[in-house]
N, C-alpha and C. Protein backbone atom coordinates (compact mmCIF):
# COMPACT_ATOMS: atom_id res chain seq x y z
N UNK A 1 57.10 22.39 -81.95
CA UNK A 1 58.36 22.26 -81.66
C UNK A 1 58.93 21.19 -80.75
N UNK A 2 59.83 20.63 -80.69
CA UNK A 2 59.94 19.23 -80.14
C UNK A 2 59.73 19.57 -78.51
N UNK A 3 59.46 18.68 -77.65
CA UNK A 3 59.81 18.97 -76.15
C UNK A 3 61.57 19.23 -75.83
N UNK A 4 61.85 20.39 -75.14
CA UNK A 4 62.71 20.81 -74.53
C UNK A 4 63.42 20.08 -73.10
N UNK A 5 64.73 19.26 -73.14
CA UNK A 5 64.85 18.84 -72.12
C UNK A 5 65.34 19.44 -71.06
N UNK A 6 65.26 19.62 -69.90
CA UNK A 6 65.89 20.48 -68.56
C UNK A 6 66.41 20.01 -67.59
N UNK A 7 67.18 20.34 -67.07
CA UNK A 7 68.20 19.38 -65.74
C UNK A 7 68.38 20.10 -65.17
N UNK A 8 68.92 19.83 -63.84
CA UNK A 8 69.23 21.20 -62.86
C UNK A 8 70.82 21.13 -62.93
N UNK A 9 71.33 22.34 -63.26
CA UNK A 9 72.91 22.80 -63.43
C UNK A 9 73.83 22.25 -61.91
N UNK A 10 74.92 21.68 -61.95
CA UNK A 10 75.76 21.75 -61.17
C UNK A 10 77.18 22.49 -61.16
N UNK A 11 77.75 22.37 -60.39
CA UNK A 11 78.89 23.28 -60.31
C UNK A 11 79.99 23.12 -61.04
N UNK A 12 79.64 21.91 -62.10
CA UNK A 12 80.87 21.92 -63.09
C UNK A 12 79.84 22.55 -64.37
N UNK A 13 79.15 23.17 -64.49
CA UNK A 13 77.91 23.73 -65.22
C UNK A 13 78.36 25.29 -65.03
N UNK A 14 78.75 25.86 -63.96
CA UNK A 14 78.84 27.17 -63.91
C UNK A 14 79.05 28.05 -64.52
N UNK A 15 80.73 27.59 -65.37
CA UNK A 15 81.42 28.56 -66.01
C UNK A 15 80.27 28.41 -67.75
N UNK A 16 80.15 27.46 -67.90
CA UNK A 16 79.20 27.39 -69.24
C UNK A 16 77.75 28.47 -68.92
N UNK A 17 77.07 28.22 -67.66
CA UNK A 17 76.21 28.88 -67.72
C UNK A 17 76.34 30.15 -67.57
N UNK A 18 76.89 30.58 -66.94
CA UNK A 18 77.57 32.09 -66.92
C UNK A 18 78.03 32.69 -68.27
N UNK A 19 78.42 31.82 -68.92
CA UNK A 19 79.18 32.64 -70.45
C UNK A 19 77.65 32.52 -71.20
N UNK A 20 76.99 31.86 -71.19
CA UNK A 20 75.61 31.49 -71.59
C UNK A 20 74.91 32.61 -71.40
N UNK A 21 74.44 33.22 -70.04
CA UNK A 21 74.03 34.34 -69.59
C UNK A 21 74.56 35.29 -69.93
N UNK A 22 76.03 36.22 -70.06
CA UNK A 22 76.87 36.99 -70.92
C UNK A 22 76.62 37.42 -72.24
N UNK A 23 76.38 35.85 -72.83
CA UNK A 23 76.39 36.00 -74.68
C UNK A 23 74.83 36.36 -74.91
N UNK A 24 73.74 36.42 -74.17
CA UNK A 24 72.41 36.45 -74.37
C UNK A 24 72.25 37.82 -73.77
N UNK A 25 72.86 38.21 -72.96
CA UNK A 25 72.77 39.91 -72.25
C UNK A 25 73.40 41.10 -72.52
N UNK A 26 74.60 40.24 -73.64
CA UNK A 26 75.41 41.42 -73.85
C UNK A 26 74.81 43.01 -74.68
N UNK A 27 73.86 42.48 -75.28
CA UNK A 27 73.47 43.61 -76.29
C UNK A 27 72.21 44.27 -75.37
N UNK A 28 71.82 43.86 -73.82
CA UNK A 28 70.60 44.29 -74.11
C UNK A 28 70.95 45.98 -72.93
N UNK A 29 69.99 47.30 -73.15
CA UNK A 29 70.23 48.17 -73.04
C UNK A 29 70.96 48.45 -71.71
N UNK A 30 70.76 47.50 -70.77
CA UNK A 30 71.40 47.75 -69.39
C UNK A 30 72.50 47.77 -69.25
N UNK A 31 73.05 46.37 -69.80
CA UNK A 31 74.29 45.67 -70.41
C UNK A 31 74.94 46.92 -70.88
N UNK A 32 74.76 47.62 -71.51
CA UNK A 32 75.37 48.82 -72.22
C UNK A 32 75.35 49.73 -71.05
N UNK A 33 74.53 49.79 -70.61
CA UNK A 33 74.63 51.02 -69.64
C UNK A 33 75.84 50.48 -68.39
N UNK A 34 75.99 49.49 -67.85
CA UNK A 34 76.87 48.86 -67.19
C UNK A 34 78.07 48.74 -67.44
N UNK A 35 78.32 48.61 -68.28
CA UNK A 35 79.71 48.60 -69.57
C UNK A 35 79.98 48.88 -70.53
N UNK A 36 79.60 50.34 -71.06
CA UNK A 36 79.46 50.91 -72.59
C UNK A 36 80.99 50.56 -73.22
N UNK A 37 81.73 50.03 -73.19
CA UNK A 37 82.86 50.00 -74.07
C UNK A 37 82.32 48.41 -74.57
N UNK A 38 82.39 47.77 -75.72
CA UNK A 38 81.85 46.70 -76.25
C UNK A 38 82.81 45.38 -75.75
N UNK A 39 84.26 45.99 -75.88
CA UNK A 39 85.24 44.88 -76.02
C UNK A 39 85.18 44.89 -74.17
N UNK A 40 85.25 45.74 -73.49
CA UNK A 40 85.28 45.60 -71.87
C UNK A 40 83.96 44.65 -71.57
N UNK A 41 83.23 44.83 -71.99
CA UNK A 41 81.98 44.11 -71.73
C UNK A 41 81.87 42.84 -72.11
N UNK A 42 82.21 42.22 -73.50
CA UNK A 42 82.52 41.07 -73.66
C UNK A 42 83.55 40.66 -72.65
N UNK A 43 84.62 40.85 -71.95
CA UNK A 43 85.50 40.79 -70.71
C UNK A 43 84.80 40.58 -69.59
N UNK A 44 84.17 41.67 -69.02
CA UNK A 44 83.93 41.46 -68.11
C UNK A 44 82.54 40.81 -67.42
N UNK A 45 81.48 40.74 -68.35
CA UNK A 45 80.20 40.08 -68.17
C UNK A 45 80.09 38.50 -67.87
N UNK A 46 81.00 37.64 -68.58
CA UNK A 46 81.25 36.13 -68.41
C UNK A 46 81.54 35.80 -66.55
N UNK A 47 82.61 36.55 -66.24
CA UNK A 47 82.99 36.51 -64.74
C UNK A 47 82.15 37.25 -63.54
N UNK A 48 81.46 37.98 -63.97
CA UNK A 48 80.63 38.57 -63.62
C UNK A 48 79.22 38.03 -62.84
N UNK A 49 78.84 37.51 -63.96
CA UNK A 49 77.50 36.34 -64.27
C UNK A 49 77.71 35.23 -63.38
N UNK A 50 79.21 34.71 -63.54
CA UNK A 50 79.55 33.94 -62.68
C UNK A 50 79.51 33.84 -61.32
N UNK A 51 79.89 35.31 -60.64
CA UNK A 51 79.75 35.19 -59.02
C UNK A 51 78.06 34.76 -58.80
N UNK A 52 77.15 35.30 -59.69
CA UNK A 52 75.61 35.12 -58.89
C UNK A 52 75.19 33.40 -59.88
N UNK A 53 75.75 33.23 -60.51
CA UNK A 53 75.69 31.34 -60.76
C UNK A 53 76.37 30.88 -59.59
N UNK A 54 77.15 30.83 -59.53
CA UNK A 54 77.81 30.41 -58.24
C UNK A 54 77.06 30.50 -56.94
N UNK A 55 76.76 31.53 -56.70
CA UNK A 55 75.64 31.77 -55.34
C UNK A 55 74.33 30.90 -55.65
N UNK A 56 73.51 31.06 -56.68
CA UNK A 56 72.69 30.15 -57.00
C UNK A 56 72.81 28.95 -57.05
N UNK A 57 74.44 28.34 -57.07
CA UNK A 57 74.26 26.93 -57.09
C UNK A 57 74.53 26.51 -55.59
N UNK A 58 74.49 27.50 -54.36
CA UNK A 58 74.44 27.44 -53.19
C UNK A 58 73.10 27.64 -52.80
N UNK A 59 72.77 28.46 -53.10
CA UNK A 59 71.65 28.98 -52.37
C UNK A 59 70.30 29.11 -53.31
N UNK A 60 70.10 28.71 -54.45
CA UNK A 60 68.92 28.43 -55.23
C UNK A 60 69.09 27.11 -56.04
N UNK A 61 68.52 27.35 -57.18
CA UNK A 61 68.59 26.55 -58.46
C UNK A 61 68.95 27.23 -59.47
N UNK A 62 69.60 26.32 -60.53
CA UNK A 62 70.23 26.56 -61.85
C UNK A 62 69.48 25.47 -62.55
N UNK A 63 68.94 26.04 -63.57
CA UNK A 63 67.88 24.75 -64.93
C UNK A 63 68.35 25.18 -66.09
N UNK A 64 69.17 24.19 -66.65
CA UNK A 64 69.93 24.48 -67.91
C UNK A 64 69.24 23.69 -68.74
N UNK A 65 69.03 23.85 -70.12
CA UNK A 65 68.32 22.95 -70.79
C UNK A 65 69.66 21.78 -71.61
N UNK A 66 69.34 21.06 -71.55
CA UNK A 66 70.30 19.50 -72.15
C UNK A 66 70.87 20.00 -73.27
N UNK A 67 70.40 20.98 -74.47
CA UNK A 67 71.21 21.32 -75.68
C UNK A 67 71.93 22.25 -75.15
N UNK A 68 72.13 22.38 -73.76
CA UNK A 68 72.88 24.04 -73.47
C UNK A 68 72.86 25.17 -74.11
N UNK A 69 71.66 25.57 -74.04
CA UNK A 69 71.86 26.56 -75.24
C UNK A 69 70.58 28.31 -74.63
N UNK A 70 70.18 27.56 -73.05
CA UNK A 70 69.45 28.37 -72.11
C UNK A 70 69.46 27.99 -70.67
N UNK A 71 69.67 29.15 -70.17
CA UNK A 71 69.16 28.48 -68.51
C UNK A 71 68.45 29.50 -67.82
N UNK A 72 68.45 29.08 -66.62
CA UNK A 72 67.15 29.98 -65.76
C UNK A 72 67.95 30.02 -64.28
N UNK A 73 68.06 31.18 -63.68
CA UNK A 73 68.73 31.12 -62.09
C UNK A 73 67.23 31.49 -61.41
N UNK A 74 67.52 30.28 -60.24
CA UNK A 74 66.12 31.30 -59.61
C UNK A 74 66.81 30.99 -58.10
N UNK A 75 66.00 31.85 -56.97
CA UNK A 75 66.52 32.07 -55.46
C UNK A 75 65.33 31.99 -55.20
N UNK A 76 64.99 31.09 -53.77
CA UNK A 76 63.64 30.69 -53.14
C UNK A 76 64.18 31.72 -51.94
N UNK A 77 62.98 32.69 -52.10
CA UNK A 77 63.13 33.86 -50.92
C UNK A 77 61.93 33.41 -49.89
N UNK A 78 62.48 33.52 -48.56
CA UNK A 78 61.52 33.33 -47.57
C UNK A 78 60.97 35.06 -46.95
N UNK A 79 61.56 35.63 -47.74
CA UNK A 79 61.05 37.37 -46.95
C UNK A 79 62.11 38.28 -46.13
N UNK A 80 63.20 37.18 -46.17
CA UNK A 80 64.75 37.91 -45.32
C UNK A 80 65.50 37.80 -46.65
N UNK A 81 66.62 38.75 -46.03
CA UNK A 81 67.13 38.99 -47.44
C UNK A 81 68.07 37.77 -47.38
N UNK A 82 69.15 37.70 -48.64
CA UNK A 82 69.89 36.49 -48.81
C UNK A 82 71.34 36.90 -48.48
N UNK A 83 72.34 35.73 -48.18
CA UNK A 83 73.12 36.67 -47.97
C UNK A 83 74.17 37.23 -49.20
N UNK A 84 75.38 37.60 -49.00
CA UNK A 84 75.91 38.68 -50.41
C UNK A 84 76.84 37.35 -50.66
N UNK A 85 77.34 37.03 -52.14
CA UNK A 85 77.95 36.13 -52.57
C UNK A 85 79.35 36.23 -51.80
N UNK A 86 80.10 35.03 -51.76
CA UNK A 86 81.64 35.01 -51.25
C UNK A 86 82.15 36.22 -51.46
N UNK A 87 82.81 37.09 -50.66
CA UNK A 87 84.14 37.88 -51.03
C UNK A 87 83.23 38.87 -52.69
N UNK A 88 82.34 39.26 -51.98
CA UNK A 88 81.59 40.23 -53.57
C UNK A 88 81.87 41.06 -53.84
N UNK A 89 82.50 41.94 -52.85
CA UNK A 89 82.67 43.70 -53.40
C UNK A 89 84.17 43.39 -53.68
N UNK A 90 85.20 42.46 -53.20
CA UNK A 90 86.33 42.31 -53.87
C UNK A 90 86.30 41.53 -55.39
N UNK A 91 85.45 40.80 -55.37
CA UNK A 91 85.14 40.27 -56.20
C UNK A 91 84.86 40.71 -57.50
N UNK A 92 83.80 41.69 -57.35
CA UNK A 92 83.46 42.65 -58.48
C UNK A 92 84.17 43.60 -58.81
N UNK A 93 85.08 43.81 -58.10
CA UNK A 93 85.87 45.43 -58.14
C UNK A 93 87.08 44.74 -59.11
N UNK A 94 87.69 43.42 -58.65
CA UNK A 94 88.54 43.19 -59.55
C UNK A 94 88.08 43.01 -61.12
N UNK A 95 86.69 42.10 -61.12
CA UNK A 95 86.40 41.81 -62.48
C UNK A 95 85.65 43.41 -63.18
N UNK A 96 85.46 44.56 -62.60
CA UNK A 96 84.60 45.08 -63.39
C UNK A 96 85.35 46.55 -63.20
N UNK A 97 86.46 46.62 -62.26
CA UNK A 97 87.38 47.95 -62.50
C UNK A 97 86.17 49.29 -62.51
N UNK A 98 86.88 49.96 -63.37
CA UNK A 98 85.93 51.41 -63.45
C UNK A 98 84.38 50.92 -63.41
N UNK A 99 83.97 50.14 -63.80
CA UNK A 99 82.59 49.90 -64.12
C UNK A 99 82.06 49.53 -62.78
N UNK A 100 82.61 49.59 -61.60
CA UNK A 100 81.80 48.61 -60.41
C UNK A 100 81.15 49.72 -59.78
N UNK A 101 81.17 50.80 -59.38
CA UNK A 101 79.82 51.76 -59.00
C UNK A 101 78.78 51.49 -59.72
N UNK A 102 78.56 51.18 -61.10
CA UNK A 102 77.20 50.82 -61.69
C UNK A 102 76.81 49.38 -61.52
N UNK A 103 77.48 48.69 -61.43
CA UNK A 103 77.01 47.43 -61.08
C UNK A 103 76.75 47.55 -59.12
N UNK A 104 77.20 48.15 -58.63
CA UNK A 104 76.35 48.21 -57.18
C UNK A 104 75.18 49.28 -56.91
N UNK A 105 75.43 50.19 -58.40
CA UNK A 105 74.37 51.18 -58.29
C UNK A 105 72.48 50.02 -58.82
N UNK A 106 72.99 49.34 -59.82
CA UNK A 106 72.03 48.24 -59.84
C UNK A 106 71.57 47.47 -59.08
N UNK A 107 72.48 46.81 -58.16
CA UNK A 107 72.22 46.06 -56.71
C UNK A 107 71.31 46.68 -56.27
N UNK A 108 71.73 48.09 -55.79
CA UNK A 108 70.84 48.80 -54.87
C UNK A 108 69.70 48.88 -55.31
N UNK A 109 69.16 49.19 -56.69
CA UNK A 109 68.10 49.42 -57.10
C UNK A 109 67.11 47.96 -56.95
N UNK A 110 68.18 47.09 -57.55
CA UNK A 110 67.06 45.45 -57.19
C UNK A 110 66.60 45.47 -56.20
N UNK A 111 67.48 46.04 -54.99
CA UNK A 111 66.99 45.71 -53.73
C UNK A 111 66.31 46.64 -53.02
N UNK A 112 66.14 47.89 -53.66
CA UNK A 112 65.09 48.46 -53.08
C UNK A 112 63.43 48.47 -53.94
N UNK A 113 63.92 47.80 -54.50
CA UNK A 113 62.28 47.21 -55.26
C UNK A 113 61.79 45.81 -55.49
N UNK A 114 62.64 44.97 -54.60
CA UNK A 114 62.29 43.70 -54.45
C UNK A 114 61.07 43.29 -53.08
N UNK A 115 60.10 42.60 -53.70
CA UNK A 115 59.21 42.16 -52.92
C UNK A 115 59.59 41.57 -51.50
N UNK A 116 59.21 41.96 -50.20
CA UNK A 116 59.45 41.00 -49.10
C UNK A 116 58.29 39.77 -48.78
N UNK A 117 57.41 39.52 -49.43
CA UNK A 117 56.88 38.23 -49.13
C UNK A 117 57.50 37.06 -49.62
N UNK A 118 57.44 35.90 -49.39
CA UNK A 118 57.60 34.88 -49.98
C UNK A 118 57.74 34.36 -51.08
N UNK A 119 58.49 33.93 -52.05
CA UNK A 119 57.97 33.94 -53.36
C UNK A 119 59.46 33.05 -53.73
N UNK A 120 59.40 32.72 -54.95
CA UNK A 120 60.95 32.43 -56.10
C UNK A 120 60.98 33.49 -57.11
N UNK A 121 62.27 34.04 -56.76
CA UNK A 121 62.84 34.88 -57.53
C UNK A 121 63.53 34.48 -59.03
N UNK A 122 63.18 34.93 -60.19
CA UNK A 122 63.64 34.25 -61.03
C UNK A 122 64.82 35.46 -61.58
N UNK A 123 65.93 35.43 -60.98
CA UNK A 123 67.12 36.54 -61.13
C UNK A 123 67.21 36.80 -62.53
N UNK A 124 67.58 35.15 -63.20
CA UNK A 124 68.28 35.48 -64.67
C UNK A 124 67.32 34.61 -65.69
N UNK A 125 67.17 34.59 -66.83
CA UNK A 125 66.91 33.70 -67.94
C UNK A 125 67.53 34.13 -69.21
N UNK A 126 68.20 33.48 -69.60
CA UNK A 126 68.97 33.66 -70.83
C UNK A 126 68.73 32.93 -71.82
N UNK A 127 68.56 32.65 -72.85
CA UNK A 127 68.67 31.84 -73.99
C UNK A 127 69.65 32.65 -75.32
N UNK A 128 70.60 31.58 -75.67
CA UNK A 128 71.63 32.09 -76.53
C UNK A 128 71.21 32.96 -77.53
N UNK A 129 71.56 33.55 -78.67
CA UNK A 129 70.87 34.63 -79.25
C UNK A 129 70.51 33.76 -80.50
N UNK A 130 70.97 32.78 -80.84
CA UNK A 130 70.58 32.35 -82.34
C UNK A 130 69.71 31.37 -81.93
N UNK A 131 69.07 31.13 -80.76
CA UNK A 131 68.08 30.12 -80.40
C UNK A 131 66.96 31.04 -79.53
N UNK A 132 66.84 32.30 -79.70
CA UNK A 132 65.93 32.65 -78.93
C UNK A 132 64.80 32.96 -80.15
N UNK A 133 63.30 33.35 -79.34
CA UNK A 133 62.29 33.12 -80.21
C UNK A 133 61.90 31.97 -80.22
N UNK A 134 62.28 31.03 -80.19
CA UNK A 134 62.16 29.29 -80.37
C UNK A 134 61.47 28.60 -79.42
N UNK A 135 60.84 29.31 -78.31
CA UNK A 135 60.31 28.55 -77.53
C UNK A 135 61.30 27.95 -76.18
N UNK A 136 62.70 28.14 -76.13
CA UNK A 136 63.07 27.44 -75.47
C UNK A 136 63.09 28.47 -74.21
N UNK A 137 63.21 29.49 -73.87
CA UNK A 137 62.76 30.43 -72.46
C UNK A 137 61.57 29.80 -72.22
N UNK A 138 60.77 29.83 -72.99
CA UNK A 138 59.25 29.28 -72.35
C UNK A 138 59.17 28.27 -71.73
N UNK A 139 59.96 26.84 -72.20
CA UNK A 139 60.16 26.00 -71.85
C UNK A 139 60.76 25.75 -70.62
N UNK A 140 61.83 26.65 -70.05
CA UNK A 140 62.33 26.59 -68.91
C UNK A 140 60.97 27.03 -68.07
N UNK A 141 60.39 28.58 -68.15
CA UNK A 141 59.44 28.89 -67.28
C UNK A 141 58.47 27.84 -67.35
N UNK A 142 57.89 26.70 -68.13
CA UNK A 142 56.79 26.57 -67.68
C UNK A 142 57.29 25.46 -66.69
N UNK A 143 58.36 24.67 -66.92
CA UNK A 143 59.20 23.59 -66.10
C UNK A 143 59.18 24.05 -64.81
N UNK A 144 59.26 25.24 -64.37
CA UNK A 144 59.57 25.91 -62.80
C UNK A 144 58.17 26.08 -62.43
N UNK A 145 57.23 26.76 -63.27
CA UNK A 145 56.24 27.30 -63.32
C UNK A 145 54.99 26.15 -62.51
N UNK A 146 55.54 24.77 -63.12
CA UNK A 146 54.71 23.73 -62.69
C UNK A 146 55.02 23.55 -61.27
N UNK A 147 56.14 23.27 -60.88
CA UNK A 147 56.35 23.09 -59.39
C UNK A 147 55.93 24.40 -58.48
N UNK A 148 55.75 25.52 -58.92
CA UNK A 148 55.72 26.70 -57.82
C UNK A 148 54.20 26.79 -57.67
N UNK A 149 53.11 26.42 -59.17
CA UNK A 149 52.07 26.68 -59.00
C UNK A 149 51.69 25.26 -58.17
N UNK A 150 52.05 23.70 -58.17
CA UNK A 150 51.94 22.86 -57.26
C UNK A 150 52.01 23.21 -55.73
N UNK A 151 52.87 23.70 -55.48
CA UNK A 151 53.34 24.66 -54.16
C UNK A 151 52.83 26.07 -53.50
N UNK A 152 51.61 26.26 -54.42
CA UNK A 152 51.24 27.55 -54.02
C UNK A 152 52.11 28.59 -54.18
N UNK A 153 52.91 28.52 -54.68
CA UNK A 153 54.40 29.80 -54.21
C UNK A 153 54.32 30.63 -55.44
N UNK A 154 54.22 31.88 -55.21
CA UNK A 154 54.62 33.16 -56.23
C UNK A 154 55.86 33.40 -57.00
N UNK A 155 56.03 34.01 -57.98
CA UNK A 155 57.28 34.43 -58.30
C UNK A 155 57.43 35.81 -58.87
N UNK A 156 58.92 36.10 -58.77
CA UNK A 156 58.84 37.50 -59.07
C UNK A 156 60.22 37.74 -59.99
N UNK A 157 60.08 38.85 -61.11
CA UNK A 157 61.20 38.76 -62.08
C UNK A 157 61.38 40.49 -61.97
N UNK A 158 62.98 41.03 -62.63
CA UNK A 158 62.34 42.16 -63.28
C UNK A 158 63.12 41.90 -64.59
N UNK A 159 62.18 42.54 -65.50
CA UNK A 159 62.50 42.36 -66.72
C UNK A 159 63.08 43.61 -67.84
N UNK A 160 64.39 42.96 -68.48
CA UNK A 160 65.54 44.00 -68.90
C UNK A 160 64.87 44.28 -70.29
N UNK A 161 63.81 44.00 -70.93
CA UNK A 161 63.52 44.84 -72.30
C UNK A 161 62.17 44.90 -72.24
N UNK A 162 61.43 45.53 -73.21
CA UNK A 162 60.26 45.09 -73.27
C UNK A 162 59.94 43.41 -74.00
N UNK A 163 60.92 43.30 -74.88
CA UNK A 163 60.48 41.93 -75.10
C UNK A 163 60.28 40.83 -74.36
N UNK A 164 61.25 41.06 -73.13
CA UNK A 164 61.06 39.98 -72.44
C UNK A 164 59.90 40.24 -71.41
N UNK A 165 59.58 41.47 -70.97
CA UNK A 165 58.58 41.63 -70.46
C UNK A 165 56.89 41.12 -70.99
N UNK A 166 57.13 41.02 -72.60
CA UNK A 166 55.67 40.66 -72.95
C UNK A 166 55.63 38.97 -73.08
N UNK A 167 57.15 38.58 -72.91
CA UNK A 167 57.55 37.10 -72.82
C UNK A 167 56.55 36.90 -71.33
N UNK A 168 57.06 37.45 -70.38
CA UNK A 168 56.34 36.86 -69.37
C UNK A 168 55.05 37.43 -69.13
N UNK A 169 53.98 38.40 -69.49
CA UNK A 169 53.19 38.69 -69.42
C UNK A 169 51.86 37.19 -70.22
N UNK A 170 52.75 36.66 -71.09
CA UNK A 170 52.20 35.47 -71.71
C UNK A 170 52.54 34.45 -70.73
N UNK A 171 53.32 34.20 -69.74
CA UNK A 171 53.08 33.41 -69.11
C UNK A 171 52.74 33.35 -67.51
N UNK A 172 52.19 34.64 -67.37
CA UNK A 172 50.93 34.79 -66.08
C UNK A 172 51.47 36.05 -65.00
N UNK A 173 52.88 36.51 -65.78
CA UNK A 173 53.06 37.64 -65.12
C UNK A 173 52.34 38.91 -64.97
N UNK A 174 52.34 39.72 -63.73
CA UNK A 174 51.50 40.99 -63.95
C UNK A 174 52.70 42.02 -63.52
N UNK A 175 52.43 43.05 -63.99
CA UNK A 175 53.39 44.57 -63.62
C UNK A 175 53.11 44.70 -62.32
N UNK A 176 54.39 45.09 -61.30
CA UNK A 176 54.19 44.92 -60.25
C UNK A 176 54.46 46.51 -60.09
N UNK A 177 53.75 47.53 -60.07
CA UNK A 177 54.04 48.96 -59.83
C UNK A 177 54.73 49.59 -61.26
N UNK A 178 55.20 50.63 -61.07
CA UNK A 178 56.12 51.04 -62.42
C UNK A 178 57.16 50.86 -62.83
N UNK A 179 58.07 50.71 -64.02
CA UNK A 179 58.97 50.31 -63.75
C UNK A 179 60.32 51.25 -63.21
N UNK A 180 60.98 50.57 -62.76
CA UNK A 180 61.85 52.07 -62.51
C UNK A 180 63.13 52.01 -63.40
N UNK A 181 64.47 52.71 -63.22
CA UNK A 181 65.04 53.11 -64.68
C UNK A 181 66.70 53.08 -63.64
N UNK A 182 67.50 52.50 -64.38
CA UNK A 182 69.01 53.33 -63.95
C UNK A 182 69.38 54.48 -64.51
N UNK A 183 70.69 54.92 -63.98
CA UNK A 183 70.59 56.29 -64.28
C UNK A 183 70.51 57.14 -65.86
N UNK A 184 70.68 55.87 -66.65
CA UNK A 184 71.08 56.73 -68.04
C UNK A 184 69.11 56.50 -68.39
N UNK A 185 68.05 56.08 -67.76
CA UNK A 185 67.04 55.98 -68.50
C UNK A 185 66.50 54.63 -68.65
N UNK A 186 67.12 53.33 -68.67
CA UNK A 186 67.17 52.61 -68.95
C UNK A 186 66.17 51.75 -68.23
N UNK A 187 64.98 51.29 -68.14
CA UNK A 187 63.69 50.68 -67.41
C UNK A 187 63.85 49.44 -67.47
N UNK A 188 63.38 49.18 -66.33
CA UNK A 188 63.06 47.52 -65.78
C UNK A 188 62.16 47.48 -64.88
N UNK A 189 61.55 46.21 -65.34
CA UNK A 189 59.93 46.37 -64.77
C UNK A 189 59.95 45.22 -64.13
N UNK A 190 59.79 45.99 -62.88
CA UNK A 190 59.25 44.51 -61.81
C UNK A 190 57.71 43.86 -62.06
N UNK A 191 57.75 42.31 -62.00
CA UNK A 191 56.82 41.74 -62.45
C UNK A 191 56.71 40.41 -61.39
N UNK A 192 55.11 39.91 -61.13
CA UNK A 192 54.68 39.58 -60.06
C UNK A 192 54.01 37.97 -60.88
N UNK A 193 54.28 36.99 -60.65
CA UNK A 193 53.06 35.82 -61.17
C UNK A 193 52.53 35.16 -59.55
N UNK A 194 51.28 35.18 -59.64
CA UNK A 194 50.57 34.42 -58.28
C UNK A 194 50.84 33.08 -59.01
N UNK A 195 50.59 32.21 -58.16
CA UNK A 195 50.16 30.82 -58.36
C UNK A 195 49.08 30.38 -59.18
N UNK A 196 49.26 29.19 -60.33
CA UNK A 196 47.90 28.95 -60.91
C UNK A 196 47.48 27.97 -60.91
């Protein structure tokens, strides 16, 4: 495969990145639990992910392939909690309507399982469905891991499918305890990568 060009996303890329993530995550089991109705899910996920992307542009880093077919959302964590996104509860309720409580439940699960030691958190890694399995996500991982390894810094993530879990295992992540589940039983795998 030819090399994948990667750039740091800016504010003008926020909507594109949010839409890309929504497209990539739309059919995941956890997304189906969050918003069971397929029409509602397609409407809700892009603006909901926009909240997170805008937050990362302020407090973290968003990497985007130059072909604009994949993105990674990272937050450096120093052991203390990140501030909440601006006006988070109101924005979430406006976007998610009757499904808002499920998004809050997922947030609480993530918070309860998040490690406290310093690390970089890969909050989201998304590849457009037609580009999955072609090494694009791996290129984004290698790009960030190079700087983390040079800094001696670990990384953490929650894998949302067996396929993504196996991808991360191939990139040096290890399972960190047992998977935790959303209320319908869908598992999420906490994973940790030591610097290499």
